C-alpha atoms as a PDB file:
ATOM      1  CA  UNK A   1      18.445   7.771  16.872  1.00  0.00           C
ATOM      2  CA  UNK A   2      15.512   5.834  15.381  1.00  0.00           C
ATOM      3  CA  UNK A   3      15.040   7.056  11.621  1.00  0.00           C
ATOM      4  CA  UNK A   4      12.447   5.708   9.336  1.00  0.00           C
ATOM      5  CA  UNK A   5      13.610   3.238   6.871  1.00  0.00           C
ATOM      6  CA  UNK A   6      13.677   4.455   3.200  1.00  0.00           C
ATOM      7  CA  UNK A   7      12.295   2.083   0.398  1.00  0.00           C
ATOM      8  CA  UNK A   8      13.694   2.780  -3.093  1.00  0.00           C
ATOM      9  CA  UNK A   9      11.811   1.009  -6.200  1.00  0.00           C
ATOM     10  CA  UNK A  10      14.083   0.485  -9.191  1.00  0.00           C
ATOM     11  CA  UNK A  11      13.547  -1.059 -12.456  1.00  0.00           C
ATOM     12  CA  UNK A  12      16.150  -0.364 -15.565  1.00  0.00           C
ATOM     13  CA  UNK A  13      17.393   3.179 -15.412  1.00  0.00           C
ATOM     14  CA  UNK A  14      20.852   2.611 -14.068  1.00  0.00           C
ATOM     15  CA  UNK A  15      22.010   6.392 -14.753  1.00  0.00           C
ATOM     16  CA  UNK A  16      18.868   8.038 -13.132  1.00  0.00           C
ATOM     17  CA  UNK A  17      19.355   5.427 -10.157  1.00  0.00           C
ATOM     18  CA  UNK A  18      22.973   6.448  -9.857  1.00  0.00           C
ATOM     19  CA  UNK A  19      21.880  10.209  -9.518  1.00  0.00           C
ATOM     20  CA  UNK A  20      19.274   9.428  -7.015  1.00  0.00           C
ATOM     21  CA  UNK A  21      21.508   7.330  -4.724  1.00  0.00           C
ATOM     22  CA  UNK A  22      24.252   9.885  -4.812  1.00  0.00           C
ATOM     23  CA  UNK A  23      22.048  12.663  -3.741  1.00  0.00           C
ATOM     24  CA  UNK A  24      20.287  10.425  -0.886  1.00  0.00           C
ATOM     25  CA  UNK A  25      23.902   9.643   0.265  1.00  0.00           C
ATOM     26  CA  UNK A  26      24.788  13.514   0.530  1.00  0.00           C
ATOM     27  CA  UNK A  27      21.814  14.052   3.183  1.00  0.00           C
ATOM     28  CA  UNK A  28      22.378  14.565   6.800  1.00  0.00           C
ATOM     29  CA  UNK A  29      21.856  11.204   8.617  1.00  0.00           C
ATOM     30  CA  UNK A  30      21.887   9.068   5.354  1.00  0.00           C
ATOM     31  CA  UNK A  31      24.884   7.045   7.078  1.00  0.00           C
ATOM     32  CA  UNK A  32      22.533   5.982   9.892  1.00  0.00           C
ATOM     33  CA  UNK A  33      19.350   5.290   7.516  1.00  0.00           C
ATOM     34  CA  UNK A  34      18.142   1.762   6.504  1.00  0.00           C
ATOM     35  CA  UNK A  35      17.529   1.440   2.674  1.00  0.00           C
ATOM     36  CA  UNK A  36      15.187  -1.230   1.220  1.00  0.00           C
ATOM     37  CA  UNK A  37      15.660  -1.711  -2.535  1.00  0.00           C
ATOM     38  CA  UNK A  38      13.028  -3.305  -4.674  1.00  0.00           C
ATOM     39  CA  UNK A  39      14.143  -4.329  -7.983  1.00  0.00           C
ATOM     40  CA  UNK A  40      11.520  -5.631 -10.640  1.00  0.00           C
ATOM     41  CA  UNK A  41      12.507  -7.916 -13.030  1.00  0.00           C
ATOM     42  CA  UNK A  42      12.551  -7.364 -16.801  1.00  0.00           C
ATOM     43  CA  UNK A  43       9.529  -7.348 -18.391  1.00  0.00           C
ATOM     44  CA  UNK A  44      10.756  -8.076 -22.055  1.00  0.00           C
ATOM     45  CA  UNK A  45      13.836  -9.489 -23.199  1.00  0.00           C
ATOM     46  CA  UNK A  46      15.198  -6.025 -24.340  1.00  0.00           C
ATOM     47  CA  UNK A  47      15.029  -4.992 -20.829  1.00  0.00           C
ATOM     48  CA  UNK A  48      17.242  -7.746 -19.293  1.00  0.00           C
ATOM     49  CA  UNK A  49      20.626  -5.951 -19.991  1.00  0.00           C
ATOM     50  CA  UNK A  50      19.265  -2.891 -18.282  1.00  0.00           C
ATOM     51  CA  UNK A  51      17.713  -4.577 -15.493  1.00  0.00           C
ATOM     52  CA  UNK A  52      21.058  -6.394 -14.766  1.00  0.00           C
ATOM     53  CA  UNK A  53      22.834  -3.294 -14.698  1.00  0.00           C
ATOM     54  CA  UNK A  54      20.933  -1.683 -12.224  1.00  0.00           C
ATOM     55  CA  UNK A  55      21.415  -4.842 -10.045  1.00  0.00           C
ATOM     56  CA  UNK A  56      24.724  -5.077 -10.406  1.00  0.00           C
ATOM     57  CA  UNK A  57      25.129  -1.506  -9.528  1.00  0.00           C
ATOM     58  CA  UNK A  58      22.864  -1.574  -6.317  1.00  0.00           C
ATOM     59  CA  UNK A  59      24.879  -4.414  -5.022  1.00  0.00           C
ATOM     60  CA  UNK A  60      27.931  -2.232  -4.641  1.00  0.00           C
ATOM     61  CA  UNK A  61      26.051   0.948  -2.799  1.00  0.00           C
ATOM     62  CA  UNK A  62      27.522   2.210   0.128  1.00  0.00           C
ATOM     63  CA  UNK A  63      27.119   4.942   2.335  1.00  0.00           C
ATOM     64  CA  UNK A  64      24.031   3.854   4.603  1.00  0.00           C
ATOM     65  CA  UNK A  65      23.687   2.374   7.658  1.00  0.00           C
ATOM     66  CA  UNK A  66      22.183  -1.287   6.275  1.00  0.00           C
ATOM     67  CA  UNK A  67      21.006  -1.831   2.724  1.00  0.00           C
ATOM     68  CA  UNK A  68      18.671  -4.593   1.613  1.00  0.00           C
ATOM     69  CA  UNK A  69      17.807  -5.810  -1.852  1.00  0.00           C
ATOM     70  CA  UNK A  70      14.793  -7.471  -2.850  1.00  0.00           C
ATOM     71  CA  UNK A  71      15.077  -8.794  -6.324  1.00  0.00           C
ATOM     72  CA  UNK A  72      11.449  -9.872  -7.745  1.00  0.00           C
ATOM     73  CA  UNK A  73      11.637 -13.251  -9.770  1.00  0.00           C
ATOM     74  CA  UNK A  74       8.906 -12.179 -12.108  1.00  0.00           C
ATOM     75  CA  UNK A  75       7.811  -8.695 -13.446  1.00  0.00           C
ATOM     76  CA  UNK A  76       5.341  -7.188 -11.238  1.00  0.00           C
ATOM     77  CA  UNK A  77       5.104  -3.600 -12.813  1.00  0.00           C
ATOM     78  CA  UNK A  78       5.481  -0.715 -11.196  1.00  0.00           C
ATOM     79  CA  UNK A  79       1.957  -0.367  -9.444  1.00  0.00           C
ATOM     80  CA  UNK A  80       2.079  -4.043  -7.845  1.00  0.00           C
ATOM     81  CA  UNK A  81       5.821  -3.661  -6.870  1.00  0.00           C
ATOM     82  CA  UNK A  82       5.161  -0.361  -5.092  1.00  0.00           C
ATOM     83  CA  UNK A  83       1.903  -1.642  -3.294  1.00  0.00           C
ATOM     84  CA  UNK A  84       3.530  -5.035  -2.468  1.00  0.00           C
ATOM     85  CA  UNK A  85       6.700  -3.848  -1.418  1.00  0.00           C
ATOM     86  CA  UNK A  86       5.209  -1.279   0.888  1.00  0.00           C
ATOM     87  CA  UNK A  87       3.010  -3.195   2.608  1.00  0.00           C
ATOM     88  CA  UNK A  88       5.696  -5.582   3.237  1.00  0.00           C
ATOM     89  CA  UNK A  89       7.800  -2.943   5.042  1.00  0.00           C
ATOM     90  CA  UNK A  90       5.266  -1.129   6.544  1.00  0.00           C
ATOM     91  CA  UNK A  91       3.865  -3.698   8.449  1.00  0.00           C
ATOM     92  CA  UNK A  92       7.215  -4.227  10.078  1.00  0.00           C
ATOM     93  CA  UNK A  93       7.913  -0.837  10.771  1.00  0.00           C
ATOM     94  CA  UNK A  94       5.329   1.939  11.742  1.00  0.00           C
ATOM     95  CA  UNK A  95       6.351   4.328   9.160  1.00  0.00           C
ATOM     96  CA  UNK A  96       8.173   4.496   5.747  1.00  0.00           C
ATOM     97  CA  UNK A  97       9.457   6.982   3.457  1.00  0.00           C
ATOM     98  CA  UNK A  98       9.424   6.059  -0.207  1.00  0.00           C
ATOM     99  CA  UNK A  99      11.445   6.847  -3.136  1.00  0.00           C
ATOM    100  CA  UNK A 100      11.609   5.738  -6.906  1.00  0.00           C
ATOM    101  CA  UNK A 101      14.663   5.966  -9.209  1.00  0.00           C
ATOM    102  CA  UNK A 102      14.485   8.936 -10.858  1.00  0.00           C
ATOM    103  CA  UNK A 103      13.969  11.611  -7.365  1.00  0.00           C
ATOM    104  CA  UNK A 104      16.756  13.799  -6.746  1.00  0.00           C
ATOM    105  CA  UNK A 105      16.763  14.716  -3.209  1.00  0.00           C
ATOM    106  CA  UNK A 106      18.058  17.885  -1.050  1.00  0.00           C
ATOM    107  CA  UNK A 107      20.706  17.129   1.567  1.00  0.00           C
ATOM    108  CA  UNK A 108      17.619  17.798   4.274  1.00  0.00           C
ATOM    109  CA  UNK A 109      15.160  15.540   2.734  1.00  0.00           C
ATOM    110  CA  UNK A 110      15.766  12.965   5.232  1.00  0.00           C
ATOM    111  CA  UNK A 111      15.682  15.215   8.154  1.00  0.00           C
ATOM    112  CA  UNK A 112      12.610  16.963   6.847  1.00  0.00           C
ATOM    113  CA  UNK A 113      10.896  13.538   6.272  1.00  0.00           C
ATOM    114  CA  UNK A 114      11.688  12.100   9.639  1.00  0.00           C
ATOM    115  CA  UNK A 115      10.759  15.298  11.488  1.00  0.00           C
ATOM    116  CA  UNK A 116       7.315  15.605   9.450  1.00  0.00           C
ATOM    117  CA  UNK A 117       6.262  11.994  10.081  1.00  0.00           C
ATOM    118  CA  UNK A 118       6.873  12.386  14.038  1.00  0.00           C
ATOM    119  CA  UNK A 119       5.302  16.182  13.949  1.00  0.00           C
ATOM    120  CA  UNK A 120       1.969  14.838  12.392  1.00  0.00           C
ATOM    121  CA  UNK A 121       1.874  11.153  13.574  1.00  0.00           C
ATOM    122  CA  UNK A 122      -1.226  11.617  15.829  1.00  0.00           C
ATOM    123  CA  UNK A 123      -2.966  13.960  13.307  1.00  0.00           C
ATOM    124  CA  UNK A 124      -5.392  11.795  12.157  1.00  0.00           C
ATOM    125  CA  UNK A 125      -6.634  14.006   9.269  1.00  0.00           C
ATOM    126  CA  UNK A 126      -2.793  13.913   8.031  1.00  0.00           C
ATOM    127  CA  UNK A 127      -2.653  10.807   5.010  1.00  0.00           C
ATOM    128  CA  UNK A 128       0.783  11.503   3.921  1.00  0.00           C
ATOM    129  CA  UNK A 129       4.069  13.698   3.964  1.00  0.00           C
ATOM    130  CA  UNK A 130       5.263  14.795   0.399  1.00  0.00           C
ATOM    131  CA  UNK A 131       8.895  15.970  -0.130  1.00  0.00           C
ATOM    132  CA  UNK A 132       7.931  17.601  -3.302  1.00  0.00           C
ATOM    133  CA  UNK A 133       6.068  20.847  -3.953  1.00  0.00           C
ATOM    134  CA  UNK A 134       5.730  23.165  -6.898  1.00  0.00           C
ATOM    135  CA  UNK A 135       7.199  26.928  -6.436  1.00  0.00           C
ATOM    136  CA  UNK A 136       3.769  28.404  -5.652  1.00  0.00           C
ATOM    137  CA  UNK A 137       3.650  32.093  -5.893  1.00  0.00           C
ATOM    138  CA  UNK A 138       2.261  32.376  -2.128  1.00  0.00           C
ATOM    139  CA  UNK A 139       4.835  30.245  -0.688  1.00  0.00           C
ATOM    140  CA  UNK A 140       7.567  32.938  -0.929  1.00  0.00           C
ATOM    141  CA  UNK A 141       6.187  34.827   2.067  1.00  0.00           C
ATOM    142  CA  UNK A 142       4.493  31.815   3.792  1.00  0.00           C
ATOM    143  CA  UNK A 143       5.412  31.355   7.633  1.00  0.00           C
ATOM    144  CA  UNK A 144       5.532  27.704   7.701  1.00  0.00           C
ATOM    145  CA  UNK A 145       7.860  25.021   6.416  1.00  0.00           C
ATOM    146  CA  UNK A 146       4.882  23.025   5.173  1.00  0.00           C
ATOM    147  CA  UNK A 147       1.262  23.387   4.066  1.00  0.00           C
ATOM    148  CA  UNK A 148      -1.886  21.146   3.730  1.00  0.00           C
ATOM    149  CA  UNK A 149      -3.325  19.836   0.272  1.00  0.00           C
ATOM    150  CA  UNK A 150      -6.073  17.960  -0.947  1.00  0.00           C
ATOM    151  CA  UNK A 151      -3.208  16.109  -3.533  1.00  0.00           C
ATOM    152  CA  UNK A 152      -0.896  13.339  -2.247  1.00  0.00           C
ATOM    153  CA  UNK A 153       2.434  13.476  -4.259  1.00  0.00           C
ATOM    154  CA  UNK A 154       4.291  10.068  -5.269  1.00  0.00           C
ATOM    155  CA  UNK A 155       7.651  12.058  -5.982  1.00  0.00           C
ATOM    156  CA  UNK A 156       9.141  11.212  -2.571  1.00  0.00           C
ATOM    157  CA  UNK A 157       6.805  10.814   0.005  1.00  0.00           C
ATOM    158  CA  UNK A 158       6.335   8.898   3.569  1.00  0.00           C
ATOM    159  CA  UNK A 159       3.372   7.812   5.726  1.00  0.00           C
ATOM    160  CA  UNK A 160       2.047   5.316   8.575  1.00  0.00           C
ATOM    161  CA  UNK A 161       0.975   1.951   8.641  1.00  0.00           C
ATOM    162  CA  UNK A 162      -2.307   2.970  10.090  1.00  0.00           C
ATOM    163  CA  UNK A 163      -2.852   5.462   6.962  1.00  0.00           C
ATOM    164  CA  UNK A 164      -1.777   2.879   4.492  1.00  0.00           C
ATOM    165  CA  UNK A 165      -3.532  -0.491   5.305  1.00  0.00           C
ATOM    166  CA  UNK A 166      -7.177  -0.990   4.370  1.00  0.00           C
ATOM    167  CA  UNK A 167      -6.719   1.188   0.985  1.00  0.00           C
ATOM    168  CA  UNK A 168      -9.446   0.181  -1.222  1.00  0.00           C
ATOM    169  CA  UNK A 169      -7.115  -0.729  -4.266  1.00  0.00           C
ATOM    170  CA  UNK A 170     -10.059  -2.309  -6.351  1.00  0.00           C
ATOM    171  CA  UNK A 171     -12.069   1.265  -5.961  1.00  0.00           C
ATOM    172  CA  UNK A 172     -15.253  -0.606  -5.194  1.00  0.00           C
ATOM    173  CA  UNK A 173     -17.697   2.079  -5.122  1.00  0.00           C
ATOM    174  CA  UNK A 174     -16.512   3.779  -8.566  1.00  0.00           C
ATOM    175  CA  UNK A 175     -20.032   3.328  -9.668  1.00  0.00           C
ATOM    176  CA  UNK A 176     -21.667   5.587  -7.182  1.00  0.00           C
ATOM    177  CA  UNK A 177     -18.837   7.791  -7.440  1.00  0.00           C
ATOM    178  CA  UNK A 178     -18.863   8.382 -11.123  1.00  0.00           C
ATOM    179  CA  UNK A 179     -22.212   9.320 -10.861  1.00  0.00           C
ATOM    180  CA  UNK A 180     -22.235  11.966  -8.151  1.00  0.00           C
ATOM    181  CA  UNK A 181     -20.760  15.391  -9.790  1.00  0.00           C
ATOM    182  CA  UNK A 182     -20.551  16.812  -6.303  1.00  0.00           C
ATOM    183  CA  UNK A 183     -18.287  14.153  -5.198  1.00  0.00           C
ATOM    184  CA  UNK A 184     -16.128  14.566  -8.484  1.00  0.00           C
ATOM    185  CA  UNK A 185     -15.822  18.244  -7.607  1.00  0.00           C
ATOM    186  CA  UNK A 186     -14.581  17.589  -4.173  1.00  0.00           C
ATOM    187  CA  UNK A 187     -12.148  14.967  -5.214  1.00  0.00           C
ATOM    188  CA  UNK A 188     -10.952  17.410  -8.076  1.00  0.00           C
ATOM    189  CA  UNK A 189      -9.927  20.185  -5.421  1.00  0.00           C
ATOM    190  CA  UNK A 190      -6.446  18.401  -5.851  1.00  0.00           C
ATOM    191  CA  UNK A 191      -6.490  18.968  -9.512  1.00  0.00           C
ATOM    192  CA  UNK A 192      -9.106  18.736 -12.096  1.00  0.00           C
ATOM    193  CA  UNK A 193      -7.111  15.659 -13.912  1.00  0.00           C
ATOM    194  CA  UNK A 194      -8.184  13.416 -10.690  1.00  0.00           C
ATOM    195  CA  UNK A 195     -11.480  11.909 -11.555  1.00  0.00           C
ATOM    196  CA  UNK A 196     -10.294  11.444 -15.351  1.00  0.00           C
ATOM    197  CA  UNK A 197      -7.125   9.690 -14.391  1.00  0.00           C
ATOM    198  CA  UNK A 198      -9.214   7.469 -11.983  1.00  0.00           C
ATOM    199  CA  UNK A 199     -11.732   6.668 -14.654  1.00  0.00           C
ATOM    200  CA  UNK A 200      -8.997   5.844 -17.018  1.00  0.00           C
ATOM    201  CA  UNK A 201      -7.757   3.433 -14.479  1.00  0.00           C
ATOM    202  CA  UNK A 202     -11.020   1.472 -14.012  1.00  0.00           C
ATOM    203  CA  UNK A 203     -11.228   1.593 -18.242  1.00  0.00           C
ATOM    204  CA  UNK A 204      -7.894   0.096 -18.414  1.00  0.00           C
ATOM    205  CA  UNK A 205      -6.139   2.781 -19.778  1.00  0.00           C
ATOM    206  CA  UNK A 206      -3.491   3.068 -17.048  1.00  0.00           C
ATOM    207  CA  UNK A 207      -2.348   1.120 -13.821  1.00  0.00           C
ATOM    208  CA  UNK A 208      -1.911   3.854 -11.849  1.00  0.00           C
ATOM    209  CA  UNK A 209      -1.185   2.815  -8.039  1.00  0.00           C
ATOM    210  CA  UNK A 210      -0.886   6.599  -7.173  1.00  0.00           C
ATOM    211  CA  UNK A 211      -4.591   7.886  -8.291  1.00  0.00           C
ATOM    212  CA  UNK A 212      -6.128   5.166  -6.347  1.00  0.00           C
ATOM    213  CA  UNK A 213      -3.930   6.037  -3.453  1.00  0.00           C
ATOM    214  CA  UNK A 214      -5.201   9.644  -3.679  1.00  0.00           C
ATOM    215  CA  UNK A 215      -8.713   8.673  -3.998  1.00  0.00           C
ATOM    216  CA  UNK A 216      -8.399   6.682  -0.863  1.00  0.00           C
ATOM    217  CA  UNK A 217      -7.128   9.864   0.971  1.00  0.00           C
ATOM    218  CA  UNK A 218     -10.220  11.898  -0.639  1.00  0.00           C
ATOM    219  CA  UNK A 219     -12.528   9.097   0.627  1.00  0.00           C
ATOM    220  CA  UNK A 220     -10.948   9.187   4.156  1.00  0.00           C
ATOM    221  CA  UNK A 221     -11.284  13.236   4.288  1.00  0.00           C
ATOM    222  CA  UNK A 222      -7.800  13.743   5.060  1.00  0.00           C
ATOM    223  CA  UNK A 223      -4.914  15.884   3.576  1.00  0.00           C
ATOM    224  CA  UNK A 224      -1.367  15.767   2.369  1.00  0.00           C
ATOM    225  CA  UNK A 225       1.430  17.789   4.103  1.00  0.00           C
ATOM    226  CA  UNK A 226       3.991  19.448   1.286  1.00  0.00           C
ATOM    227  CA  UNK A 227       6.912  21.451   1.873  1.00  0.00           C
ATOM    228  CA  UNK A 228       7.489  25.348   1.627  1.00  0.00           C
ATOM    229  CA  UNK A 229      10.730  24.457  -0.220  1.00  0.00           C
ATOM    230  CA  UNK A 230      11.144  21.220  -2.451  1.00  0.00           C
ATOM    231  CA  UNK A 231      13.315  18.459  -1.225  1.00  0.00           C
ATOM    232  CA  UNK A 232      12.606  16.322  -4.275  1.00  0.00           C
ATOM    233  CA  UNK A 233      13.175  17.233  -7.952  1.00  0.00           C
ATOM    234  CA  UNK A 234      11.740  14.442 -10.673  1.00  0.00           C
ATOM    235  CA  UNK A 235      14.770  13.969 -13.434  1.00  0.00           C
ATOM    236  CA  UNK A 236      12.722  11.005 -14.878  1.00  0.00           C
ATOM    237  CA  UNK A 237      10.880  12.483 -17.610  1.00  0.00           C
ATOM    238  CA  UNK A 238      11.496  11.135 -21.293  1.00  0.00           C
ATOM    239  CA  UNK A 239      11.548   8.073 -23.641  1.00  0.00           C
ATOM    240  CA  UNK A 240      12.771   5.558 -21.040  1.00  0.00           C
ATOM    241  CA  UNK A 241      10.163   6.762 -18.217  1.00  0.00           C
ATOM    242  CA  UNK A 242       7.555   4.421 -17.378  1.00  0.00           C
ATOM    243  CA  UNK A 243       4.647   6.967 -17.047  1.00  0.00           C
ATOM    244  CA  UNK A 244       6.256  10.561 -17.152  1.00  0.00           C
ATOM    245  CA  UNK A 245       6.997  10.605 -21.059  1.00  0.00           C
ATOM    246  CA  UNK A 246       7.881  13.981 -22.879  1.00  0.00           C
ATOM    247  CA  UNK A 247       8.526  17.369 -21.034  1.00  0.00           C
ATOM    248  CA  UNK A 248       8.862  17.731 -17.425  1.00  0.00           C
ATOM    249  CA  UNK A 249       6.161  20.805 -16.883  1.00  0.00           C
ATOM    250  CA  UNK A 250       6.698  20.190 -13.057  1.00  0.00           C
ATOM    251  CA  UNK A 251       9.977  21.703 -12.402  1.00  0.00           C
ATOM    252  CA  UNK A 252      10.625  23.192  -9.429  1.00  0.00           C
ATOM    253  CA  UNK A 253      13.367  24.767  -7.186  1.00  0.00           C
ATOM    254  CA  UNK A 254      15.160  22.131  -4.842  1.00  0.00           C
ATOM    255  CA  UNK A 255      15.913  23.255  -1.526  1.00  0.00           C
ATOM    256  CA  UNK A 256      19.656  24.231  -0.905  1.00  0.00           C
ATOM    257  CA  UNK A 257      19.287  25.956   2.439  1.00  0.00           C
ATOM    258  CA  UNK A 258      20.648  23.205   4.357  1.00  0.00           C
ATOM    259  CA  UNK A 259      18.389  23.813   7.427  1.00  0.00           C
ATOM    260  CA  UNK A 260      17.508  20.910   9.443  1.00  0.00           C
ATOM    261  CA  UNK A 261      14.766  22.058  11.822  1.00  0.00           C
ATOM    262  CA  UNK A 262      11.244  22.982  10.797  1.00  0.00           C
ATOM    263  CA  UNK A 263       8.438  24.908  11.631  1.00  0.00           C
ATOM    264  CA  UNK A 264       5.195  22.805  10.836  1.00  0.00           C
ATOM    265  CA  UNK A 265       1.904  24.157  10.221  1.00  0.00           C
ATOM    266  CA  UNK A 266      -0.692  23.216  12.306  1.00  0.00           C
ATOM    267  CA  UNK A 267      -3.559  24.314  10.154  1.00  0.00           C
ATOM    268  CA  UNK A 268      -6.698  22.089  10.108  1.00  0.00           C
ATOM    269  CA  UNK A 269      -7.306  22.353   6.757  1.00  0.00           C
ATOM    270  CA  UNK A 270      -5.536  23.593   3.228  1.00  0.00           C
ATOM    271  CA  UNK A 271      -4.919  27.202   2.749  1.00  0.00           C
ATOM    272  CA  UNK A 272      -7.668  28.535   0.193  1.00  0.00           C
ATOM    273  CA  UNK A 273      -5.267  30.722  -1.604  1.00  0.00           C
ATOM    274  CA  UNK A 274      -2.357  28.152  -1.657  1.00  0.00           C
ATOM    275  CA  UNK A 275      -5.130  25.490  -2.844  1.00  0.00           C
ATOM    276  CA  UNK A 276      -6.219  27.717  -5.705  1.00  0.00           C
ATOM    277  CA  UNK A 277      -2.586  27.940  -6.836  1.00  0.00           C
ATOM    278  CA  UNK A 278      -2.068  24.530  -6.397  1.00  0.00           C
ATOM    279  CA  UNK A 279      -4.940  23.215  -8.481  1.00  0.00           C
ATOM    280  CA  UNK A 280      -3.749  25.741 -11.359  1.00  0.00           C
ATOM    281  CA  UNK A 281      -0.546  23.951 -11.932  1.00  0.00           C
ATOM    282  CA  UNK A 282      -2.468  20.531 -12.784  1.00  0.00           C
ATOM    283  CA  UNK A 283      -5.075  22.322 -14.740  1.00  0.00           C
ATOM    284  CA  UNK A 284      -5.167  21.849 -18.460  1.00  0.00           C
ATOM    285  CA  UNK A 285      -4.519  25.573 -19.659  1.00  0.00           C
ATOM    286  CA  UNK A 286      -1.424  25.514 -17.444  1.00  0.00           C
ATOM    287  CA  UNK A 287      -0.371  22.330 -18.866  1.00  0.00           C
ATOM    288  CA  UNK A 288      -0.700  23.117 -22.496  1.00  0.00           C
ATOM    289  CA  UNK A 289       1.075  26.506 -21.927  1.00  0.00           C
ATOM    290  CA  UNK A 290       4.086  24.810 -20.197  1.00  0.00           C
ATOM    291  CA  UNK A 291       4.308  22.309 -22.944  1.00  0.00           C
ATOM    292  CA  UNK A 292       4.067  25.191 -25.721  1.00  0.00           C
ATOM    293  CA  UNK A 293       6.878  26.976 -23.773  1.00  0.00           C
ATOM    294  CA  UNK A 294       8.705  23.638 -23.444  1.00  0.00           C
ATOM    295  CA  UNK A 295       8.671  22.981 -27.219  1.00  0.00           C
ATOM    296  CA  UNK A 296       9.860  26.564 -27.901  1.00  0.00           C
ATOM    297  CA  UNK A 297      12.430  26.250 -25.608  1.00  0.00           C
ATOM    298  CA  UNK A 298      13.920  23.160 -27.504  1.00  0.00           C
END
């Protein structure tokens, strides 16, 4: 059985990483999966001890078919580490699965991602496979195990070489895009925050690789596949997170079904009702309500 290699990007959070690895090891087919771990170098002197703790830990990992560790000698930062690391591995393999060091996976994550990659491989409208989903109301009675969206997710995902290569990471057409309200409306079908995040990248307010990746999907007029029940839960929110500060407003229900065969949708475009519910979760009103509720619970 040729399983798709899994890339894990790590930095300085050994506790979250241990939880990520332990969950992944419980997956069916984990023991026959190849793992590549990219460990970024410390950015500051204060990170040296934590990065060394992570590097000591990853050298002790067992339970997979093969483990390959790549230790960066200088600090790449999250965006460069991910872009370069994925490019290196995806040029050796046709497909890859990607995790970061703060993602808990369900026991059927590896099976789901491998099966979805195989099922959608020849569908040129599919840009990526997401392991994460929010618990949308309409998914409760949804008959398929996957649905299409206008926004890719970077929380446990997968793609193919011919979808990843040739992405314009410099966003050379941004000046034309930002003058075109219609294009912005179409891009924002995945969430009202998307154009704002892309503009913030151009202005140097963030260094997000994911929003540039999302923009590439939009420009190619492609979609992302999401699961009906989430195979990933993000535990990385808080003071030590690189980008996810504060309260996690995207908590979901992790799949505990132990189902390993899936009924994938063959829809040609995203479902209108699901798209509306999906987009609402990224609205400013929803974010504000969830943040207020989170503060009140604390």
